[in-house]
PDB file of N, CA and C in Angstrom:
ATOM      1  N   UNK A   1      14.272  -1.834  15.970  1.00  0.00           N
ATOM      2  CA  UNK A   1      14.631  -0.456  16.023  1.00  0.00           C
ATOM      3  C   UNK A   1      14.449   0.198  14.665  1.00  0.00           C
ATOM      4  N   UNK A   2      14.807   1.423  14.602  1.00  0.00           N
ATOM      5  CA  UNK A   2      14.684   2.213  13.378  1.00  0.00           C
ATOM      6  C   UNK A   2      16.078   2.608  12.924  1.00  0.00           C
ATOM      7  N   UNK A   3      16.338   2.379  11.648  1.00  0.00           N
ATOM      8  CA  UNK A   3      17.643   2.670  11.074  1.00  0.00           C
ATOM      9  C   UNK A   3      17.486   3.752  10.018  1.00  0.00           C
ATOM     10  N   UNK A   4      18.260   4.798  10.147  1.00  0.00           N
ATOM     11  CA  UNK A   4      18.314   5.852   9.139  1.00  0.00           C
ATOM     12  C   UNK A   4      19.747   5.894   8.649  1.00  0.00           C
ATOM     13  N   UNK A   5      19.926   5.703   7.345  1.00  0.00           N
ATOM     14  CA  UNK A   5      21.281   5.618   6.812  1.00  0.00           C
ATOM     15  C   UNK A   5      21.360   6.262   5.438  1.00  0.00           C
ATOM     16  N   UNK A   6      22.491   6.848   5.153  1.00  0.00           N
ATOM     17  CA  UNK A   6      22.744   7.370   3.819  1.00  0.00           C
ATOM     18  C   UNK A   6      23.748   6.484   3.085  1.00  0.00           C
ATOM     19  N   UNK A   7      24.072   5.344   3.694  1.00  0.00           N
ATOM     20  CA  UNK A   7      25.047   4.426   3.107  1.00  0.00           C
ATOM     21  C   UNK A   7      24.343   3.188   2.565  1.00  0.00           C
ATOM     22  N   UNK A   8      25.063   2.440   1.748  1.00  0.00           N
ATOM     23  CA  UNK A   8      24.548   1.188   1.201  1.00  0.00           C
ATOM     24  C   UNK A   8      24.239   0.217   2.342  1.00  0.00           C
ATOM     25  N   UNK A   9      23.106  -0.450   2.250  1.00  0.00           N
ATOM     26  CA  UNK A   9      22.725  -1.448   3.251  1.00  0.00           C
ATOM     27  C   UNK A   9      22.760  -2.828   2.613  1.00  0.00           C
ATOM     28  N   UNK A  10      23.245  -3.793   3.358  1.00  0.00           N
ATOM     29  CA  UNK A  10      23.352  -5.158   2.839  1.00  0.00           C
ATOM     30  C   UNK A  10      21.973  -5.809   2.726  1.00  0.00           C
ATOM     31  N   UNK A  11      21.893  -6.870   1.961  1.00  0.00           N
ATOM     32  CA  UNK A  11      20.641  -7.618   1.822  1.00  0.00           C
ATOM     33  C   UNK A  11      20.168  -8.154   3.171  1.00  0.00           C
ATOM     34  N   UNK A  12      21.096  -8.478   4.055  1.00  0.00           N
ATOM     35  CA  UNK A  12      20.727  -8.980   5.386  1.00  0.00           C
ATOM     36  C   UNK A  12      19.954  -7.923   6.167  1.00  0.00           C
ATOM     37  N   UNK A  13      20.350  -6.675   6.032  1.00  0.00           N
ATOM     38  CA  UNK A  13      19.631  -5.589   6.712  1.00  0.00           C
ATOM     39  C   UNK A  13      18.258  -5.409   6.079  1.00  0.00           C
ATOM     40  N   UNK A  14      18.211  -5.390   4.762  1.00  0.00           N
ATOM     41  CA  UNK A  14      16.930  -5.215   4.070  1.00  0.00           C
ATOM     42  C   UNK A  14      15.959  -6.339   4.388  1.00  0.00           C
ATOM     43  N   UNK A  15      16.448  -7.542   4.590  1.00  0.00           N
ATOM     44  CA  UNK A  15      15.549  -8.675   4.853  1.00  0.00           C
ATOM     45  C   UNK A  15      14.827  -8.530   6.189  1.00  0.00           C
ATOM     46  N   UNK A  16      15.352  -7.688   7.086  1.00  0.00           N
ATOM     47  CA  UNK A  16      14.704  -7.455   8.385  1.00  0.00           C
ATOM     48  C   UNK A  16      13.862  -6.175   8.390  1.00  0.00           C
ATOM     49  N   UNK A  17      13.777  -5.509   7.270  1.00  0.00           N
ATOM     50  CA  UNK A  17      13.109  -4.221   7.187  1.00  0.00           C
ATOM     51  C   UNK A  17      11.623  -4.404   6.932  1.00  0.00           C
ATOM     52  N   UNK A  18      10.816  -3.711   7.719  1.00  0.00           N
ATOM     53  CA  UNK A  18       9.365  -3.799   7.546  1.00  0.00           C
ATOM     54  C   UNK A  18       8.816  -2.599   6.777  1.00  0.00           C
ATOM     55  N   UNK A  19       9.350  -1.400   7.048  1.00  0.00           N
ATOM     56  CA  UNK A  19       8.899  -0.170   6.397  1.00  0.00           C
ATOM     57  C   UNK A  19      10.083   0.511   5.725  1.00  0.00           C
ATOM     58  N   UNK A  20       9.840   1.103   4.538  1.00  0.00           N
ATOM     59  CA  UNK A  20      10.876   1.831   3.820  1.00  0.00           C
ATOM     60  C   UNK A  20      10.328   3.191   3.415  1.00  0.00           C
ATOM     61  N   UNK A  21      11.023   4.242   3.804  1.00  0.00           N
ATOM     62  CA  UNK A  21      10.612   5.584   3.431  1.00  0.00           C
ATOM     63  C   UNK A  21      10.852   5.793   1.941  1.00  0.00           C
ATOM     64  N   UNK A  22       9.849   6.320   1.272  1.00  0.00           N
ATOM     65  CA  UNK A  22       9.936   6.605  -0.167  1.00  0.00           C
ATOM     66  C   UNK A  22       9.645   8.087  -0.384  1.00  0.00           C
ATOM     67  N   UNK A  23      10.639   8.942  -0.089  1.00  0.00           N
ATOM     68  CA  UNK A  23      10.408  10.378  -0.255  1.00  0.00           C
ATOM     69  C   UNK A  23      10.491  10.795  -1.715  1.00  0.00           C
ATOM     70  N   UNK A  24      10.041  11.997  -1.961  1.00  0.00           N
ATOM     71  CA  UNK A  24      10.133  12.554  -3.305  1.00  0.00           C
ATOM     72  C   UNK A  24      11.598  12.735  -3.673  1.00  0.00           C
ATOM     73  N   UNK A  25      11.871  12.631  -4.944  1.00  0.00           N
ATOM     74  CA  UNK A  25      13.244  12.800  -5.418  1.00  0.00           C
ATOM     75  C   UNK A  25      13.222  13.095  -6.903  1.00  0.00           C
ATOM     76  N   UNK A  26      14.321  12.834  -7.537  1.00  0.00           N
ATOM     77  CA  UNK A  26      14.428  13.040  -8.976  1.00  0.00           C
ATOM     78  C   UNK A  26      14.176  11.702  -9.653  1.00  0.00           C
ATOM     79  N   UNK A  27      13.325  11.688 -10.632  1.00  0.00           N
ATOM     80  CA  UNK A  27      13.115  10.454 -11.375  1.00  0.00           C
ATOM     81  C   UNK A  27      11.688   9.938 -11.286  1.00  0.00           C
ATOM     82  N   UNK A  28      11.536   8.666 -11.533  1.00  0.00           N
ATOM     83  CA  UNK A  28      10.213   8.067 -11.690  1.00  0.00           C
ATOM     84  C   UNK A  28       9.795   7.208 -10.504  1.00  0.00           C
ATOM     85  N   UNK A  29      10.396   7.348  -9.364  1.00  0.00           N
ATOM     86  CA  UNK A  29       9.971   6.614  -8.181  1.00  0.00           C
ATOM     87  C   UNK A  29      10.858   5.434  -7.851  1.00  0.00           C
ATOM     88  N   UNK A  30      12.151   5.581  -7.990  1.00  0.00           N
ATOM     89  CA  UNK A  30      13.071   4.474  -7.742  1.00  0.00           C
ATOM     90  C   UNK A  30      12.978   3.986  -6.298  1.00  0.00           C
ATOM     91  N   UNK A  31      12.768   4.902  -5.339  1.00  0.00           N
ATOM     92  CA  UNK A  31      12.687   4.486  -3.932  1.00  0.00           C
ATOM     93  C   UNK A  31      11.460   3.611  -3.687  1.00  0.00           C
ATOM     94  N   UNK A  32      10.363   3.942  -4.339  1.00  0.00           N
ATOM     95  CA  UNK A  32       9.155   3.128  -4.225  1.00  0.00           C
ATOM     96  C   UNK A  32       9.401   1.742  -4.809  1.00  0.00           C
ATOM     97  N   UNK A  33      10.010   1.686  -5.973  1.00  0.00           N
ATOM     98  CA  UNK A  33      10.311   0.402  -6.608  1.00  0.00           C
ATOM     99  C   UNK A  33      11.254  -0.435  -5.753  1.00  0.00           C
ATOM    100  N   UNK A  34      12.275   0.194  -5.194  1.00  0.00           N
ATOM    101  CA  UNK A  34      13.221  -0.532  -4.348  1.00  0.00           C
ATOM    102  C   UNK A  34      12.529  -1.078  -3.103  1.00  0.00           C
ATOM    103  N   UNK A  35      11.657  -0.307  -2.497  1.00  0.00           N
ATOM    104  CA  UNK A  35      10.932  -0.772  -1.313  1.00  0.00           C
ATOM    105  C   UNK A  35      10.087  -1.998  -1.652  1.00  0.00           C
ATOM    106  N   UNK A  36       9.388  -1.941  -2.755  1.00  0.00           N
ATOM    107  CA  UNK A  36       8.538  -3.071  -3.147  1.00  0.00           C
ATOM    108  C   UNK A  36       9.367  -4.308  -3.473  1.00  0.00           C
ATOM    109  N   UNK A  37      10.482  -4.117  -4.159  1.00  0.00           N
ATOM    110  CA  UNK A  37      11.332  -5.261  -4.502  1.00  0.00           C
ATOM    111  C   UNK A  37      11.938  -5.900  -3.252  1.00  0.00           C
ATOM    112  N   UNK A  38      12.136  -5.119  -2.219  1.00  0.00           N
ATOM    113  CA  UNK A  38      12.740  -5.641  -0.991  1.00  0.00           C
ATOM    114  C   UNK A  38      11.699  -6.167  -0.010  1.00  0.00           C
ATOM    115  N   UNK A  39      10.445  -6.062  -0.367  1.00  0.00           N
ATOM    116  CA  UNK A  39       9.390  -6.643   0.454  1.00  0.00           C
ATOM    117  C   UNK A  39       8.981  -5.831   1.658  1.00  0.00           C
ATOM    118  N   UNK A  40       9.302  -4.546   1.668  1.00  0.00           N
ATOM    119  CA  UNK A  40       8.864  -3.733   2.804  1.00  0.00           C
ATOM    120  C   UNK A  40       7.738  -2.797   2.364  1.00  0.00           C
ATOM    121  N   UNK A  41       6.995  -2.314   3.338  1.00  0.00           N
ATOM    122  CA  UNK A  41       5.868  -1.426   3.075  1.00  0.00           C
ATOM    123  C   UNK A  41       6.409  -0.031   2.760  1.00  0.00           C
ATOM    124  N   UNK A  42       6.145   0.475   1.556  1.00  0.00           N
ATOM    125  CA  UNK A  42       6.626   1.819   1.232  1.00  0.00           C
ATOM    126  C   UNK A  42       5.853   2.873   2.014  1.00  0.00           C
ATOM    127  N   UNK A  43       6.566   3.779   2.635  1.00  0.00           N
ATOM    128  CA  UNK A  43       5.971   4.937   3.288  1.00  0.00           C
ATOM    129  C   UNK A  43       6.169   6.102   2.325  1.00  0.00           C
ATOM    130  N   UNK A  44       5.129   6.429   1.594  1.00  0.00           N
ATOM    131  CA  UNK A  44       5.230   7.407   0.512  1.00  0.00           C
ATOM    132  C   UNK A  44       5.112   8.808   1.079  1.00  0.00           C
ATOM    133  N   UNK A  45       6.206   9.547   1.054  1.00  0.00           N
ATOM    134  CA  UNK A  45       6.250  10.928   1.530  1.00  0.00           C
ATOM    135  C   UNK A  45       6.400  11.843   0.325  1.00  0.00           C
ATOM    136  N   UNK A  46       5.375  11.839  -0.508  1.00  0.00           N
ATOM    137  CA  UNK A  46       5.392  12.612  -1.750  1.00  0.00           C
ATOM    138  C   UNK A  46       4.035  13.284  -1.926  1.00  0.00           C
ATOM    139  N   UNK A  47       3.804  14.358  -1.189  1.00  0.00           N
ATOM    140  CA  UNK A  47       2.497  15.012  -1.296  1.00  0.00           C
ATOM    141  C   UNK A  47       2.241  15.530  -2.710  1.00  0.00           C
ATOM    142  N   UNK A  48       1.027  15.327  -3.154  1.00  0.00           N
ATOM    143  CA  UNK A  48       0.562  15.830  -4.452  1.00  0.00           C
ATOM    144  C   UNK A  48       1.237  15.163  -5.645  1.00  0.00           C
ATOM    145  N   UNK A  49       1.886  14.016  -5.432  1.00  0.00           N
ATOM    146  CA  UNK A  49       2.529  13.296  -6.527  1.00  0.00           C
ATOM    147  C   UNK A  49       1.702  12.053  -6.835  1.00  0.00           C
ATOM    148  N   UNK A  50       1.303  11.913  -8.078  1.00  0.00           N
ATOM    149  CA  UNK A  50       0.585  10.721  -8.506  1.00  0.00           C
ATOM    150  C   UNK A  50       1.612   9.618  -8.707  1.00  0.00           C
ATOM    151  N   UNK A  51       1.359   8.463  -8.111  1.00  0.00           N
ATOM    152  CA  UNK A  51       2.285   7.337  -8.191  1.00  0.00           C
ATOM    153  C   UNK A  51       2.080   6.576  -9.506  1.00  0.00           C
ATOM    154  N   UNK A  52       3.076   5.795  -9.926  1.00  0.00           N
ATOM    155  CA  UNK A  52       2.938   5.023 -11.160  1.00  0.00           C
ATOM    156  C   UNK A  52       1.721   4.097 -11.097  1.00  0.00           C
ATOM    157  N   UNK A  53       0.933   4.111 -12.128  1.00  0.00           N
ATOM    158  CA  UNK A  53      -0.247   3.250 -12.260  1.00  0.00           C
ATOM    159  C   UNK A  53      -1.245   3.429 -11.117  1.00  0.00           C
ATOM    160  N   UNK A  54      -1.278   4.620 -10.519  1.00  0.00           N
ATOM    161  CA  UNK A  54      -2.167   4.863  -9.378  1.00  0.00           C
ATOM    162  C   UNK A  54      -3.637   4.704  -9.749  1.00  0.00           C
ATOM    163  N   UNK A  55      -3.967   4.895 -11.013  1.00  0.00           N
ATOM    164  CA  UNK A  55      -5.358   4.707 -11.425  1.00  0.00           C
ATOM    165  C   UNK A  55      -5.721   3.226 -11.510  1.00  0.00           C
ATOM    166  N   UNK A  56      -4.732   2.351 -11.565  1.00  0.00           N
ATOM    167  CA  UNK A  56      -4.967   0.910 -11.651  1.00  0.00           C
ATOM    168  C   UNK A  56      -4.708   0.163 -10.349  1.00  0.00           C
ATOM    169  N   UNK A  57      -3.746   0.649  -9.570  1.00  0.00           N
ATOM    170  CA  UNK A  57      -3.344  -0.029  -8.336  1.00  0.00           C
ATOM    171  C   UNK A  57      -3.920   0.690  -7.125  1.00  0.00           C
ATOM    172  N   UNK A  58      -4.435  -0.063  -6.181  1.00  0.00           N
ATOM    173  CA  UNK A  58      -4.951   0.513  -4.939  1.00  0.00           C
ATOM    174  C   UNK A  58      -3.791   0.578  -3.940  1.00  0.00           C
ATOM    175  N   UNK A  59      -3.080   1.678  -3.949  1.00  0.00           N
ATOM    176  CA  UNK A  59      -1.862   1.830  -3.154  1.00  0.00           C
ATOM    177  C   UNK A  59      -2.087   1.620  -1.662  1.00  0.00           C
ATOM    178  N   UNK A  60      -3.269   1.904  -1.171  1.00  0.00           N
ATOM    179  CA  UNK A  60      -3.547   1.734   0.260  1.00  0.00           C
ATOM    180  C   UNK A  60      -3.440   0.274   0.687  1.00  0.00           C
ATOM    181  N   UNK A  61      -3.517  -0.648  -0.266  1.00  0.00           N
ATOM    182  CA  UNK A  61      -3.404  -2.081   0.052  1.00  0.00           C
ATOM    183  C   UNK A  61      -1.970  -2.506   0.357  1.00  0.00           C
ATOM    184  N   UNK A  62      -0.975  -1.770  -0.138  1.00  0.00           N
ATOM    185  CA  UNK A  62       0.410  -2.224   0.022  1.00  0.00           C
ATOM    186  C   UNK A  62       1.388  -1.108   0.404  1.00  0.00           C
ATOM    187  N   UNK A  63       0.872   0.078   0.719  1.00  0.00           N
ATOM    188  CA  UNK A  63       1.742   1.184   1.101  1.00  0.00           C
ATOM    189  C   UNK A  63       0.992   2.099   2.061  1.00  0.00           C
ATOM    190  N   UNK A  64       1.690   3.110   2.538  1.00  0.00           N
ATOM    191  CA  UNK A  64       1.057   4.123   3.383  1.00  0.00           C
ATOM    192  C   UNK A  64       1.590   5.486   2.978  1.00  0.00           C
ATOM    193  N   UNK A  65       0.710   6.458   2.969  1.00  0.00           N
ATOM    194  CA  UNK A  65       1.132   7.827   2.686  1.00  0.00           C
ATOM    195  C   UNK A  65       1.437   8.514   4.004  1.00  0.00           C
ATOM    196  N   UNK A  66       2.513   9.241   4.040  1.00  0.00           N
ATOM    197  CA  UNK A  66       2.861  10.036   5.214  1.00  0.00           C
ATOM    198  C   UNK A  66       3.071  11.469   4.763  1.00  0.00           C
ATOM    199  N   UNK A  67       2.643  12.379   5.609  1.00  0.00           N
ATOM    200  CA  UNK A  67       2.812  13.790   5.308  1.00  0.00           C
ATOM    201  C   UNK A  67       4.173  14.246   5.826  1.00  0.00           C
ATOM    202  N   UNK A  68       4.758  15.190   5.165  1.00  0.00           N
ATOM    203  CA  UNK A  68       6.078  15.673   5.556  1.00  0.00           C
ATOM    204  C   UNK A  68       6.075  16.196   7.001  1.00  0.00           C
ATOM    205  N   UNK A  69       4.983  16.839   7.418  1.00  0.00           N
ATOM    206  CA  UNK A  69       4.933  17.366   8.780  1.00  0.00           C
ATOM    207  C   UNK A  69       4.822  16.262   9.829  1.00  0.00           C
ATOM    208  N   UNK A  70       4.488  15.027   9.401  1.00  0.00           N
ATOM    209  CA  UNK A  70       4.404  13.896  10.324  1.00  0.00           C
ATOM    210  C   UNK A  70       5.738  13.177  10.511  1.00  0.00           C
ATOM    211  N   UNK A  71       6.746  13.528   9.731  1.00  0.00           N
ATOM    212  CA  UNK A  71       8.024  12.826   9.804  1.00  0.00           C
ATOM    213  C   UNK A  71       8.678  12.870  11.186  1.00  0.00           C
ATOM    214  N   UNK A  72       8.606  13.972  11.944  1.00  0.00           N
ATOM    215  CA  UNK A  72       9.219  13.952  13.278  1.00  0.00           C
ATOM    216  C   UNK A  72       8.611  12.918  14.227  1.00  0.00           C
ATOM    217  N   UNK A  73       7.343  12.585  14.055  1.00  0.00           N
ATOM    218  CA  UNK A  73       6.691  11.603  14.934  1.00  0.00           C
ATOM    219  C   UNK A  73       6.587  10.227  14.285  1.00  0.00           C
ATOM    220  N   UNK A  74       7.131  10.083  13.099  1.00  0.00           N
ATOM    221  CA  UNK A  74       7.033   8.813  12.377  1.00  0.00           C
ATOM    222  C   UNK A  74       7.637   7.629  13.133  1.00  0.00           C
ATOM    223  N   UNK A  75       8.819   7.750  13.743  1.00  0.00           N
ATOM    224  CA  UNK A  75       9.354   6.598  14.473  1.00  0.00           C
ATOM    225  C   UNK A  75       8.402   6.076  15.548  1.00  0.00           C
ATOM    226  N   UNK A  76       7.805   6.962  16.312  1.00  0.00           N
ATOM    227  CA  UNK A  76       6.867   6.530  17.369  1.00  0.00           C
ATOM    228  C   UNK A  76       5.626   5.874  16.744  1.00  0.00           C
ATOM    229  N   UNK A  77       5.145   6.416  15.651  1.00  0.00           N
ATOM    230  CA  UNK A  77       3.986   5.829  14.976  1.00  0.00           C
ATOM    231  C   UNK A  77       4.289   4.430  14.464  1.00  0.00           C
ATOM    232  N   UNK A  78       5.466   4.244  13.896  1.00  0.00           N
ATOM    233  CA  UNK A  78       5.852   2.926  13.381  1.00  0.00           C
ATOM    234  C   UNK A  78       6.037   1.925  14.513  1.00  0.00           C
ATOM    235  N   UNK A  79       6.599   2.373  15.625  1.00  0.00           N
ATOM    236  CA  UNK A  79       6.760   1.465  16.780  1.00  0.00           C
ATOM    237  C   UNK A  79       5.404   0.979  17.265  1.00  0.00           C
ATOM    238  N   UNK A  80       4.402   1.838  17.259  1.00  0.00           N
ATOM    239  CA  UNK A  80       3.080   1.426  17.714  1.00  0.00           C
ATOM    240  C   UNK A  80       2.452   0.429  16.750  1.00  0.00           C
ATOM    241  N   UNK A  81       2.760   0.522  15.465  1.00  0.00           N
ATOM    242  CA  UNK A  81       2.263  -0.448  14.486  1.00  0.00           C
ATOM    243  C   UNK A  81       2.913  -1.808  14.648  1.00  0.00           C
ATOM    244  N   UNK A  82       4.174  -1.822  15.067  1.00  0.00           N
ATOM    245  CA  UNK A  82       4.917  -3.062  15.204  1.00  0.00           C
ATOM    246  C   UNK A  82       4.602  -3.801  16.501  1.00  0.00           C
ATOM    247  N   UNK A  83       4.013  -3.104  17.454  1.00  0.00           N
ATOM    248  CA  UNK A  83       3.734  -3.710  18.768  1.00  0.00           C
ATOM    249  C   UNK A  83       2.617  -4.727  18.715  1.00  0.00           C
TER     250      UNK A  83
END
């Protein structure tokens, strides 16, 4: 299933996570770093934002970009990837 939470999640929950949303925020990309450290595929929802070391790293190999207008259909898209 898909879990959306604004609360702290335990390591047990993170260990079952396949995709992690990495929206734009304040700072240098903490959500992206957390997703990578937890072993899930970052879903980068940051249009027009250059990611750290983007000139050196091929982000398409380990992440996916999502557009903000695609967020309402994102759960269905992710379910089709998991099938």
